N, C-alpha and C. Protein backbone atom coordinates (compact mmCIF):
# COMPACT_ATOMS: atom_id res chain seq x y z
N MET A 1 0.83 -1.17 0.00
CA MET A 1 0.00 0.00 0.00
C MET A 1 0.89 1.24 0.00
N LYS A 2 0.70 2.11 -0.97
CA LYS A 2 1.47 3.34 -1.04
C LYS A 2 0.61 4.50 -0.56
N ILE A 3 1.18 5.31 0.32
CA ILE A 3 0.48 6.47 0.87
C ILE A 3 1.20 7.72 0.41
N GLU A 4 0.46 8.64 -0.19
CA GLU A 4 1.01 9.94 -0.58
C GLU A 4 0.78 10.90 0.57
N ALA A 5 1.83 11.29 1.26
CA ALA A 5 1.69 12.17 2.41
C ALA A 5 2.85 13.15 2.47
N ASN A 6 2.58 14.33 3.03
CA ASN A 6 3.60 15.36 3.17
C ASN A 6 4.11 15.51 4.59
N SER A 7 3.45 14.83 5.53
CA SER A 7 3.86 14.92 6.93
C SER A 7 3.53 13.60 7.62
N PRO A 8 4.19 13.33 8.74
CA PRO A 8 3.85 12.11 9.49
C PRO A 8 2.38 12.08 9.91
N GLU A 9 1.82 13.22 10.29
CA GLU A 9 0.41 13.27 10.68
C GLU A 9 -0.50 12.92 9.50
N ASP A 10 -0.17 13.45 8.33
CA ASP A 10 -0.93 13.16 7.11
C ASP A 10 -0.82 11.67 6.77
N TYR A 11 0.37 11.12 6.92
CA TYR A 11 0.59 9.70 6.67
C TYR A 11 -0.30 8.86 7.57
N LEU A 12 -0.27 9.13 8.87
CA LEU A 12 -1.06 8.35 9.83
C LEU A 12 -2.56 8.48 9.58
N ALA A 13 -2.99 9.64 9.13
CA ALA A 13 -4.41 9.84 8.84
C ALA A 13 -4.87 8.97 7.67
N GLN A 14 -3.94 8.56 6.81
CA GLN A 14 -4.29 7.76 5.64
C GLN A 14 -4.10 6.26 5.85
N VAL A 15 -3.51 5.88 6.96
CA VAL A 15 -3.37 4.45 7.27
C VAL A 15 -4.77 3.89 7.50
N PRO A 16 -5.04 2.65 7.05
CA PRO A 16 -6.36 2.08 7.30
C PRO A 16 -6.74 2.17 8.78
N GLU A 17 -8.01 2.45 9.02
CA GLU A 17 -8.49 2.71 10.38
C GLU A 17 -8.13 1.61 11.38
N GLU A 18 -8.19 0.36 10.94
CA GLU A 18 -7.89 -0.74 11.86
C GLU A 18 -6.41 -0.81 12.24
N ARG A 19 -5.56 -0.07 11.55
CA ARG A 19 -4.12 -0.07 11.85
C ARG A 19 -3.65 1.23 12.50
N GLN A 20 -4.48 2.25 12.53
CA GLN A 20 -4.05 3.56 13.02
C GLN A 20 -3.59 3.54 14.47
N ALA A 21 -4.28 2.83 15.35
CA ALA A 21 -3.89 2.79 16.76
C ALA A 21 -2.50 2.18 16.92
N SER A 22 -2.24 1.11 16.20
CA SER A 22 -0.91 0.46 16.28
C SER A 22 0.18 1.36 15.73
N PHE A 23 -0.08 2.00 14.59
CA PHE A 23 0.90 2.91 14.00
C PHE A 23 1.19 4.08 14.93
N SER A 24 0.14 4.63 15.51
CA SER A 24 0.30 5.77 16.41
C SER A 24 1.09 5.38 17.65
N GLN A 25 0.80 4.22 18.20
CA GLN A 25 1.53 3.75 19.38
C GLN A 25 3.00 3.52 19.05
N LEU A 26 3.28 2.92 17.91
CA LEU A 26 4.66 2.69 17.49
C LEU A 26 5.38 4.02 17.31
N ARG A 27 4.73 4.98 16.66
CA ARG A 27 5.34 6.29 16.45
C ARG A 27 5.66 6.97 17.78
N GLN A 28 4.73 6.95 18.71
CA GLN A 28 4.96 7.58 20.01
C GLN A 28 6.11 6.90 20.76
N THR A 29 6.21 5.59 20.66
CA THR A 29 7.31 4.86 21.30
C THR A 29 8.65 5.27 20.69
N ILE A 30 8.70 5.34 19.36
CA ILE A 30 9.94 5.75 18.69
C ILE A 30 10.31 7.17 19.09
N LEU A 31 9.34 8.09 19.04
CA LEU A 31 9.63 9.48 19.39
C LEU A 31 10.10 9.62 20.83
N ALA A 32 9.55 8.82 21.73
CA ALA A 32 9.94 8.89 23.14
C ALA A 32 11.37 8.40 23.35
N GLU A 33 11.84 7.49 22.51
CA GLU A 33 13.17 6.89 22.66
C GLU A 33 14.20 7.45 21.70
N LEU A 34 13.78 8.28 20.77
CA LEU A 34 14.69 8.84 19.77
C LEU A 34 15.75 9.71 20.45
N PRO A 35 17.02 9.52 20.13
CA PRO A 35 18.05 10.35 20.74
C PRO A 35 17.82 11.84 20.45
N GLN A 36 18.23 12.66 21.37
CA GLN A 36 18.08 14.11 21.21
C GLN A 36 18.78 14.57 19.94
N GLY A 37 18.10 15.41 19.19
CA GLY A 37 18.67 15.96 17.96
C GLY A 37 18.24 15.23 16.70
N PHE A 38 17.82 13.97 16.82
CA PHE A 38 17.34 13.25 15.65
C PHE A 38 15.99 13.84 15.23
N GLU A 39 15.61 13.65 13.98
CA GLU A 39 14.38 14.26 13.47
C GLU A 39 13.49 13.24 12.79
N GLU A 40 12.19 13.46 12.92
CA GLU A 40 11.20 12.66 12.21
C GLU A 40 10.93 13.35 10.88
N VAL A 41 10.99 12.61 9.79
CA VAL A 41 10.80 13.19 8.45
C VAL A 41 9.98 12.23 7.59
N MET A 42 9.52 12.73 6.46
CA MET A 42 8.96 11.87 5.44
C MET A 42 10.08 11.56 4.46
N SER A 43 10.30 10.29 4.22
CA SER A 43 11.40 9.87 3.36
C SER A 43 11.00 8.59 2.62
N TYR A 44 11.20 8.58 1.31
CA TYR A 44 10.86 7.41 0.51
C TYR A 44 9.39 7.02 0.67
N GLY A 45 8.51 8.01 0.86
CA GLY A 45 7.09 7.75 0.96
C GLY A 45 6.61 7.21 2.29
N MET A 46 7.45 7.28 3.32
CA MET A 46 7.05 6.80 4.63
C MET A 46 7.72 7.62 5.72
N ILE A 47 7.28 7.42 6.95
CA ILE A 47 7.88 8.12 8.07
C ILE A 47 9.27 7.55 8.32
N GLY A 48 10.23 8.43 8.51
CA GLY A 48 11.59 8.00 8.80
C GLY A 48 12.20 8.87 9.89
N TYR A 49 13.32 8.44 10.40
CA TYR A 49 14.00 9.15 11.48
C TYR A 49 15.46 9.29 11.07
N VAL A 50 15.96 10.52 11.14
CA VAL A 50 17.29 10.81 10.59
C VAL A 50 18.16 11.59 11.58
N VAL A 51 19.45 11.49 11.33
CA VAL A 51 20.42 12.35 12.00
C VAL A 51 20.57 13.56 11.08
N PRO A 52 20.13 14.74 11.50
CA PRO A 52 20.16 15.90 10.61
C PRO A 52 21.58 16.41 10.37
N HIS A 53 21.74 17.18 9.30
CA HIS A 53 23.05 17.74 8.97
C HIS A 53 23.59 18.63 10.09
N SER A 54 22.72 19.18 10.92
CA SER A 54 23.21 20.01 12.03
C SER A 54 24.01 19.18 13.03
N LEU A 55 23.73 17.87 13.11
CA LEU A 55 24.49 16.98 13.99
C LEU A 55 25.61 16.26 13.26
N TYR A 56 25.35 15.93 11.99
CA TYR A 56 26.33 15.18 11.20
C TYR A 56 26.40 15.78 9.80
N PRO A 57 27.23 16.82 9.62
CA PRO A 57 27.27 17.55 8.35
C PRO A 57 27.64 16.70 7.14
N GLY A 58 28.32 15.58 7.36
CA GLY A 58 28.73 14.74 6.23
C GLY A 58 27.58 14.06 5.53
N GLY A 59 26.43 13.95 6.19
CA GLY A 59 25.26 13.31 5.59
C GLY A 59 25.42 11.82 5.41
N TYR A 60 24.47 11.24 4.72
CA TYR A 60 24.44 9.80 4.48
C TYR A 60 25.57 9.42 3.53
N HIS A 61 26.21 8.30 3.78
CA HIS A 61 27.43 7.94 3.04
C HIS A 61 27.23 7.79 1.53
N CYS A 62 26.04 7.36 1.09
CA CYS A 62 25.83 7.17 -0.35
C CYS A 62 25.43 8.46 -1.07
N ASP A 63 24.84 9.37 -0.32
CA ASP A 63 24.42 10.65 -0.88
C ASP A 63 24.55 11.70 0.21
N PRO A 64 25.62 12.44 0.25
CA PRO A 64 25.86 13.41 1.32
C PRO A 64 24.78 14.49 1.45
N LYS A 65 23.93 14.64 0.44
CA LYS A 65 22.85 15.61 0.53
C LYS A 65 21.74 15.14 1.48
N LEU A 66 21.66 13.83 1.69
CA LEU A 66 20.62 13.28 2.56
C LEU A 66 21.08 13.29 4.01
N PRO A 67 20.14 13.55 4.94
CA PRO A 67 20.52 13.53 6.36
C PRO A 67 20.74 12.09 6.83
């Protein structure tokens, strides 16, 4: 299932209703445990968590433009 979303909230709103509670709980758990400075983003059509360039200016090893 592909979801077209511009934000994590938009993504979760489009998840099938029977899965929304599980997705929301998983997201809250990840956000609660995410190291300080990491960011939640939309990446590759889904919610992702990245080390931003402000913490690691070199970026991702395959594409330095990506966090």
